[in-house]
Amino acid sequence: ELTKREIEILRLICSEKTNQEIADSLFVSVRTIEGHRNNLLLKTGCKNTAGLVMFAVRHQLVLPSF
Protein backbone atom coordinates (compact mmCIF):
# COMPACT_ATOMS: atom_id res chain seq x y z
CA GLU A 1 0.00 0.00 0.00
CA LEU A 2 1.28 3.43 -0.95
CA THR A 3 1.56 6.28 1.55
CA LYS A 4 -0.12 9.64 0.96
CA ARG A 5 3.29 11.16 0.21
CA GLU A 6 4.13 8.43 -2.30
CA ILE A 7 0.81 8.99 -4.08
CA GLU A 8 1.50 12.73 -4.14
CA ILE A 9 4.93 12.13 -5.66
CA LEU A 10 3.53 9.61 -8.13
CA ARG A 11 1.00 12.18 -9.32
CA LEU A 12 3.78 14.73 -9.77
CA ILE A 13 5.82 12.17 -11.73
CA CYS A 14 2.79 11.61 -13.95
CA SER A 15 2.56 15.34 -14.57
CA GLU A 16 6.09 15.19 -16.08
CA LYS A 17 7.87 16.91 -13.20
CA THR A 18 11.59 16.25 -12.74
CA ASN A 19 13.01 15.09 -9.42
CA GLN A 20 14.34 18.62 -8.88
CA GLU A 21 10.96 20.22 -9.62
CA ILE A 22 9.21 17.79 -7.26
CA ALA A 23 11.79 18.43 -4.53
CA ASP A 24 11.42 22.20 -4.90
CA SER A 25 7.62 22.08 -4.77
CA LEU A 26 7.60 19.86 -1.67
CA PHE A 27 10.52 21.65 0.06
CA VAL A 28 12.63 18.50 0.36
CA SER A 29 15.93 17.36 -1.16
CA VAL A 30 16.32 15.63 -4.49
CA ARG A 31 17.72 12.61 -2.60
CA THR A 32 14.45 12.37 -0.66
CA ILE A 33 12.51 12.29 -3.93
CA GLU A 34 14.88 9.67 -5.34
CA GLY A 35 14.23 7.56 -2.24
CA HIS A 36 10.47 7.87 -2.65
CA ARG A 37 10.77 7.02 -6.36
CA ASN A 38 12.80 3.91 -5.52
CA ASN A 39 10.22 2.89 -2.91
CA LEU A 40 7.47 3.37 -5.50
CA LEU A 41 9.34 1.14 -7.95
CA LEU A 42 9.78 -1.56 -5.30
CA LYS A 43 6.22 -1.42 -3.97
CA THR A 44 4.59 -1.42 -7.41
CA GLY A 45 6.98 -3.87 -9.07
CA CYS A 46 7.56 -1.39 -11.90
CA LYS A 47 10.89 -1.18 -13.72
CA ASN A 48 10.88 2.49 -14.73
CA THR A 49 8.96 5.75 -14.81
CA ALA A 50 6.74 4.61 -17.67
CA GLY A 51 5.70 1.66 -15.53
CA LEU A 52 4.86 3.98 -12.65
CA VAL A 53 2.67 6.09 -14.93
CA MET A 54 0.88 2.98 -16.19
CA PHE A 55 0.40 1.79 -12.60
CA ALA A 56 -1.09 5.15 -11.61
CA VAL A 57 -3.54 5.09 -14.54
CA ARG A 58 -4.52 1.45 -13.97
CA HIS A 59 -5.22 2.12 -10.29
CA GLN A 60 -7.03 5.38 -11.05
CA LEU A 61 -4.55 7.49 -9.09
CA VAL A 62 -4.43 9.85 -12.07
CA LEU A 63 -6.71 10.35 -15.03
CA PRO A 64 -5.20 9.90 -18.49
CA SER A 65 -5.14 13.15 -20.49
CA PHE A 66 -5.29 12.15 -24.11
PDB file of N, CA and C in Angstrom:
ATOM      1  N   GLU A   1       0.840  -1.182   0.000  1.00  0.00           N
ATOM      2  CA  GLU A   1       0.000   0.000   0.000  1.00  0.00           C
ATOM      3  C   GLU A   1       0.887   1.250   0.000  1.00  0.00           C
ATOM      4  N   LEU A   2       0.492   2.216  -0.811  1.00  0.00           N
ATOM      5  CA  LEU A   2       1.279   3.431  -0.946  1.00  0.00           C
ATOM      6  C   LEU A   2       0.863   4.456   0.113  1.00  0.00           C
ATOM      7  N   THR A   3       1.848   5.213   0.592  1.00  0.00           N
ATOM      8  CA  THR A   3       1.562   6.280   1.545  1.00  0.00           C
ATOM      9  C   THR A   3       0.979   7.488   0.801  1.00  0.00           C
ATOM     10  N   LYS A   4       0.416   8.418   1.561  1.00  0.00           N
ATOM     11  CA  LYS A   4      -0.125   9.640   0.956  1.00  0.00           C
ATOM     12  C   LYS A   4       0.974  10.405   0.228  1.00  0.00           C
ATOM     13  N   ARG A   5       2.160  10.449   0.819  1.00  0.00           N
ATOM     14  CA  ARG A   5       3.291  11.158   0.208  1.00  0.00           C
ATOM     15  C   ARG A   5       3.711  10.484  -1.088  1.00  0.00           C
ATOM     16  N   GLU A   6       3.759   9.156  -1.081  1.00  0.00           N
ATOM     17  CA  GLU A   6       4.129   8.432  -2.302  1.00  0.00           C
ATOM     18  C   GLU A   6       3.114   8.675  -3.410  1.00  0.00           C
ATOM     19  N   ILE A   7       1.846   8.707  -3.071  1.00  0.00           N
ATOM     20  CA  ILE A   7       0.808   8.989  -4.076  1.00  0.00           C
ATOM     21  C   ILE A   7       0.980  10.401  -4.615  1.00  0.00           C
ATOM     22  N   GLU A   8       1.276  11.341  -3.722  1.00  0.00           N
ATOM     23  CA  GLU A   8       1.496  12.727  -4.136  1.00  0.00           C
ATOM     24  C   GLU A   8       2.675  12.808  -5.119  1.00  0.00           C
ATOM     25  N   ILE A   9       3.747  12.125  -4.790  1.00  0.00           N
ATOM     26  CA  ILE A   9       4.927  12.131  -5.662  1.00  0.00           C
ATOM     27  C   ILE A   9       4.631  11.417  -6.972  1.00  0.00           C
ATOM     28  N   LEU A  10       3.898  10.327  -6.908  1.00  0.00           N
ATOM     29  CA  LEU A  10       3.529   9.608  -8.127  1.00  0.00           C
ATOM     30  C   LEU A  10       2.708  10.505  -9.057  1.00  0.00           C
ATOM     31  N   ARG A  11       1.795  11.264  -8.500  1.00  0.00           N
ATOM     32  CA  ARG A  11       0.996  12.182  -9.320  1.00  0.00           C
ATOM     33  C   ARG A  11       1.875  13.260  -9.952  1.00  0.00           C
ATOM     34  N   LEU A  12       2.860  13.734  -9.220  1.00  0.00           N
ATOM     35  CA  LEU A  12       3.778  14.729  -9.771  1.00  0.00           C
ATOM     36  C   LEU A  12       4.652  14.121 -10.863  1.00  0.00           C
ATOM     37  N   ILE A  13       5.065  12.876 -10.684  1.00  0.00           N
ATOM     38  CA  ILE A  13       5.824  12.173 -11.730  1.00  0.00           C
ATOM     39  C   ILE A  13       4.968  12.074 -12.990  1.00  0.00           C
ATOM     40  N   CYS A  14       3.699  11.745 -12.810  1.00  0.00           N
ATOM     41  CA  CYS A  14       2.786  11.607 -13.947  1.00  0.00           C
ATOM     42  C   CYS A  14       2.526  12.937 -14.644  1.00  0.00           C
ATOM     43  N   SER A  15       2.748  14.038 -13.950  1.00  0.00           N
ATOM     44  CA  SER A  15       2.561  15.344 -14.573  1.00  0.00           C
ATOM     45  C   SER A  15       3.874  15.863 -15.175  1.00  0.00           C
ATOM     46  N   GLU A  16       4.821  14.945 -15.387  1.00  0.00           N
ATOM     47  CA  GLU A  16       6.087  15.195 -16.084  1.00  0.00           C
ATOM     48  C   GLU A  16       7.041  16.115 -15.330  1.00  0.00           C
ATOM     49  N   LYS A  17       6.951  16.131 -14.006  1.00  0.00           N
ATOM     50  CA  LYS A  17       7.874  16.915 -13.201  1.00  0.00           C
ATOM     51  C   LYS A  17       9.176  16.148 -13.015  1.00  0.00           C
ATOM     52  N   THR A  18      10.287  16.863 -13.013  1.00  0.00           N
ATOM     53  CA  THR A  18      11.586  16.246 -12.744  1.00  0.00           C
ATOM     54  C   THR A  18      11.744  16.062 -11.239  1.00  0.00           C
ATOM     55  N   ASN A  19      12.742  15.269 -10.844  1.00  0.00           N
ATOM     56  CA  ASN A  19      13.009  15.090  -9.418  1.00  0.00           C
ATOM     57  C   ASN A  19      13.274  16.440  -8.755  1.00  0.00           C
ATOM     58  N   GLN A  20      14.024  17.305  -9.439  1.00  0.00           N
ATOM     59  CA  GLN A  20      14.336  18.625  -8.878  1.00  0.00           C
ATOM     60  C   GLN A  20      13.077  19.470  -8.712  1.00  0.00           C
ATOM     61  N   GLU A  21      12.210  19.454  -9.700  1.00  0.00           N
ATOM     62  CA  GLU A  21      10.958  20.221  -9.617  1.00  0.00           C
ATOM     63  C   GLU A  21      10.065  19.702  -8.487  1.00  0.00           C
ATOM     64  N   ILE A  22      10.011  18.378  -8.337  1.00  0.00           N
ATOM     65  CA  ILE A  22       9.208  17.787  -7.259  1.00  0.00           C
ATOM     66  C   ILE A  22       9.799  18.186  -5.906  1.00  0.00           C
ATOM     67  N   ALA A  23      11.125  18.068  -5.785  1.00  0.00           N
ATOM     68  CA  ALA A  23      11.791  18.426  -4.532  1.00  0.00           C
ATOM     69  C   ALA A  23      11.530  19.888  -4.176  1.00  0.00           C
ATOM     70  N   ASP A  24      11.640  20.774  -5.152  1.00  0.00           N
ATOM     71  CA  ASP A  24      11.417  22.201  -4.901  1.00  0.00           C
ATOM     72  C   ASP A  24       9.977  22.473  -4.464  1.00  0.00           C
ATOM     73  N   SER A  25       9.018  21.811  -5.100  1.00  0.00           N
ATOM     74  CA  SER A  25       7.616  22.077  -4.774  1.00  0.00           C
ATOM     75  C   SER A  25       7.218  21.508  -3.408  1.00  0.00           C
ATOM     76  N   LEU A  26       7.925  20.476  -2.965  1.00  0.00           N
ATOM     77  CA  LEU A  26       7.602  19.856  -1.672  1.00  0.00           C
ATOM     78  C   LEU A  26       8.566  20.278  -0.557  1.00  0.00           C
ATOM     79  N   PHE A  27       9.541  21.146  -0.909  1.00  0.00           N
ATOM     80  CA  PHE A  27      10.516  21.653   0.056  1.00  0.00           C
ATOM     81  C   PHE A  27      11.319  20.536   0.722  1.00  0.00           C
ATOM     82  N   VAL A  28      11.767  19.585  -0.113  1.00  0.00           N
ATOM     83  CA  VAL A  28      12.634  18.495   0.357  1.00  0.00           C
ATOM     84  C   VAL A  28      13.815  18.391  -0.602  1.00  0.00           C
ATOM     85  N   SER A  29      14.760  17.521  -0.291  1.00  0.00           N
ATOM     86  CA  SER A  29      15.931  17.361  -1.158  1.00  0.00           C
ATOM     87  C   SER A  29      15.623  16.415  -2.322  1.00  0.00           C
ATOM     88  N   VAL A  30      16.449  16.524  -3.336  1.00  0.00           N
ATOM     89  CA  VAL A  30      16.317  15.635  -4.488  1.00  0.00           C
ATOM     90  C   VAL A  30      16.538  14.186  -4.046  1.00  0.00           C
ATOM     91  N   ARG A  31      17.457  13.976  -3.105  1.00  0.00           N
ATOM     92  CA  ARG A  31      17.724  12.614  -2.605  1.00  0.00           C
ATOM     93  C   ARG A  31      16.475  12.018  -1.943  1.00  0.00           C
ATOM     94  N   THR A  32      15.694  12.845  -1.267  1.00  0.00           N
ATOM     95  CA  THR A  32      14.450  12.373  -0.656  1.00  0.00           C
ATOM     96  C   THR A  32      13.492  11.902  -1.741  1.00  0.00           C
ATOM     97  N   ILE A  33      13.391  12.660  -2.817  1.00  0.00           N
ATOM     98  CA  ILE A  33      12.508  12.287  -3.925  1.00  0.00           C
ATOM     99  C   ILE A  33      13.015  11.011  -4.577  1.00  0.00           C
ATOM    100  N   GLU A  34      14.316  10.895  -4.758  1.00  0.00           N
ATOM    101  CA  GLU A  34      14.885   9.667  -5.339  1.00  0.00           C
ATOM    102  C   GLU A  34      14.546   8.463  -4.466  1.00  0.00           C
ATOM    103  N   GLY A  35      14.593   8.642  -3.149  1.00  0.00           N
ATOM    104  CA  GLY A  35      14.232   7.556  -2.236  1.00  0.00           C
ATOM    105  C   GLY A  35      12.773   7.159  -2.383  1.00  0.00           C
ATOM    106  N   HIS A  36      11.893   8.162  -2.465  1.00  0.00           N
ATOM    107  CA  HIS A  36      10.471   7.870  -2.652  1.00  0.00           C
ATOM    108  C   HIS A  36      10.235   7.172  -3.991  1.00  0.00           C
ATOM    109  N   ARG A  37      10.924   7.630  -5.038  1.00  0.00           N
ATOM    110  CA  ARG A  37      10.773   7.017  -6.359  1.00  0.00           C
ATOM    111  C   ARG A  37      11.220   5.557  -6.314  1.00  0.00           C
ATOM    112  N   ASN A  38      12.334   5.287  -5.647  1.00  0.00           N
ATOM    113  CA  ASN A  38      12.801   3.905  -5.519  1.00  0.00           C
ATOM    114  C   ASN A  38      11.808   3.049  -4.737  1.00  0.00           C
ATOM    115  N   ASN A  39      11.246   3.618  -3.678  1.00  0.00           N
ATOM    116  CA  ASN A  39      10.222   2.886  -2.910  1.00  0.00           C
ATOM    117  C   ASN A  39       9.002   2.599  -3.777  1.00  0.00           C
ATOM    118  N   LEU A  40       8.602   3.579  -4.598  1.00  0.00           N
ATOM    119  CA  LEU A  40       7.469   3.366  -5.504  1.00  0.00           C
ATOM    120  C   LEU A  40       7.756   2.230  -6.477  1.00  0.00           C
ATOM    121  N   LEU A  41       8.972   2.206  -7.013  1.00  0.00           N
ATOM    122  CA  LEU A  41       9.338   1.137  -7.948  1.00  0.00           C
ATOM    123  C   LEU A  41       9.277  -0.228  -7.255  1.00  0.00           C
ATOM    124  N   LEU A  42       9.791  -0.293  -6.039  1.00  0.00           N
ATOM    125  CA  LEU A  42       9.779  -1.559  -5.297  1.00  0.00           C
ATOM    126  C   LEU A  42       8.360  -1.998  -4.941  1.00  0.00           C
ATOM    127  N   LYS A  43       7.567  -1.078  -4.413  1.00  0.00           N
ATOM    128  CA  LYS A  43       6.216  -1.424  -3.972  1.00  0.00           C
ATOM    129  C   LYS A  43       5.302  -1.804  -5.127  1.00  0.00           C
ATOM    130  N   THR A  44       5.478  -1.162  -6.276  1.00  0.00           N
ATOM    131  CA  THR A  44       4.595  -1.417  -7.414  1.00  0.00           C
ATOM    132  C   THR A  44       5.107  -2.529  -8.312  1.00  0.00           C
ATOM    133  N   GLY A  45       6.390  -2.864  -8.198  1.00  0.00           N
ATOM    134  CA  GLY A  45       6.978  -3.867  -9.072  1.00  0.00           C
ATOM    135  C   GLY A  45       7.293  -3.329 -10.459  1.00  0.00           C
ATOM    136  N   CYS A  46       7.264  -2.012 -10.596  1.00  0.00           N
ATOM    137  CA  CYS A  46       7.557  -1.389 -11.898  1.00  0.00           C
ATOM    138  C   CYS A  46       9.068  -1.314 -12.105  1.00  0.00           C
ATOM    139  N   LYS A  47       9.465  -1.234 -13.378  1.00  0.00           N
ATOM    140  CA  LYS A  47      10.886  -1.180 -13.719  1.00  0.00           C
ATOM    141  C   LYS A  47      11.377   0.227 -14.006  1.00  0.00           C
ATOM    142  N   ASN A  48      10.465   1.138 -14.348  1.00  0.00           N
ATOM    143  CA  ASN A  48      10.880   2.486 -14.726  1.00  0.00           C
ATOM    144  C   ASN A  48       9.718   3.467 -14.562  1.00  0.00           C
ATOM    145  N   THR A  49       9.969   4.704 -14.952  1.00  0.00           N
ATOM    146  CA  THR A  49       8.958   5.754 -14.809  1.00  0.00           C
ATOM    147  C   THR A  49       7.721   5.463 -15.638  1.00  0.00           C
ATOM    148  N   ALA A  50       7.904   4.942 -16.830  1.00  0.00           N
ATOM    149  CA  ALA A  50       6.745   4.608 -17.667  1.00  0.00           C
ATOM    150  C   ALA A  50       5.855   3.596 -16.956  1.00  0.00           C
ATOM    151  N   GLY A  51       6.462   2.647 -16.288  1.00  0.00           N
ATOM    152  CA  GLY A  51       5.701   1.662 -15.532  1.00  0.00           C
ATOM    153  C   GLY A  51       4.935   2.299 -14.389  1.00  0.00           C
ATOM    154  N   LEU A  52       5.550   3.279 -13.726  1.00  0.00           N
ATOM    155  CA  LEU A  52       4.863   3.983 -12.646  1.00  0.00           C
ATOM    156  C   LEU A  52       3.645   4.734 -13.170  1.00  0.00           C
ATOM    157  N   VAL A  53       3.790   5.366 -14.326  1.00  0.00           N
ATOM    158  CA  VAL A  53       2.667   6.088 -14.928  1.00  0.00           C
ATOM    159  C   VAL A  53       1.540   5.114 -15.262  1.00  0.00           C
ATOM    160  N   MET A  54       1.888   3.981 -15.858  1.00  0.00           N
ATOM    161  CA  MET A  54       0.879   2.975 -16.195  1.00  0.00           C
ATOM    162  C   MET A  54       0.197   2.460 -14.928  1.00  0.00           C
ATOM    163  N   PHE A  55       0.962   2.239 -13.872  1.00  0.00           N
ATOM    164  CA  PHE A  55       0.403   1.788 -12.597  1.00  0.00           C
ATOM    165  C   PHE A  55      -0.604   2.815 -12.076  1.00  0.00           C
ATOM    166  N   ALA A  56      -0.221   4.084 -12.122  1.00  0.00           N
ATOM    167  CA  ALA A  56      -1.090   5.151 -11.612  1.00  0.00           C
ATOM    168  C   ALA A  56      -2.398   5.215 -12.393  1.00  0.00           C
ATOM    169  N   VAL A  57      -2.332   5.051 -13.703  1.00  0.00           N
ATOM    170  CA  VAL A  57      -3.540   5.090 -14.535  1.00  0.00           C
ATOM    171  C   VAL A  57      -4.410   3.871 -14.251  1.00  0.00           C
ATOM    172  N   ARG A  58      -3.776   2.695 -14.210  1.00  0.00           N
ATOM    173  CA  ARG A  58      -4.517   1.452 -13.966  1.00  0.00           C
ATOM    174  C   ARG A  58      -5.253   1.472 -12.627  1.00  0.00           C
ATOM    175  N   HIS A  59      -4.630   2.083 -11.627  1.00  0.00           N
ATOM    176  CA  HIS A  59      -5.218   2.117 -10.286  1.00  0.00           C
ATOM    177  C   HIS A  59      -5.975   3.422 -10.026  1.00  0.00           C
ATOM    178  N   GLN A  60      -6.225   4.152 -11.077  1.00  0.00           N
ATOM    179  CA  GLN A  60      -7.031   5.382 -11.053  1.00  0.00           C
ATOM    180  C   GLN A  60      -6.502   6.400 -10.032  1.00  0.00           C
ATOM    181  N   LEU A  61      -5.173   6.471  -9.920  1.00  0.00           N
ATOM    182  CA  LEU A  61      -4.554   7.486  -9.086  1.00  0.00           C
ATOM    183  C   LEU A  61      -4.422   8.794  -9.855  1.00  0.00           C
ATOM    184  N   VAL A  62      -4.416   8.695 -11.167  1.00  0.00           N
ATOM    185  CA  VAL A  62      -4.432   9.855 -12.072  1.00  0.00           C
ATOM    186  C   VAL A  62      -5.353   9.525 -13.225  1.00  0.00           C
ATOM    187  N   LEU A  63      -5.869  10.541 -13.846  1.00  0.00           N
ATOM    188  CA  LEU A  63      -6.708  10.349 -15.033  1.00  0.00           C
ATOM    189  C   LEU A  63      -5.865  10.569 -16.270  1.00  0.00           C
ATOM    190  N   PRO A  64      -5.976   9.699 -17.268  1.00  0.00           N
ATOM    191  CA  PRO A  64      -5.204   9.900 -18.494  1.00  0.00           C
ATOM    192  C   PRO A  64      -5.689  11.159 -19.197  1.00  0.00           C
ATOM    193  N   SER A  65      -4.752  11.929 -19.759  1.00  0.00           N
ATOM    194  CA  SER A  65      -5.136  13.151 -20.489  1.00  0.00           C
ATOM    195  C   SER A  65      -4.709  12.994 -21.944  1.00  0.00           C
ATOM    196  N   PHE A  66      -5.581  12.389 -22.701  1.00  0.00           N
ATOM    197  CA  PHE A  66      -5.294  12.154 -24.113  1.00  0.00           C
ATOM    198  C   PHE A  66      -5.698  13.345 -24.934  1.00  0.00           C
TER     199      PHE A  66
END
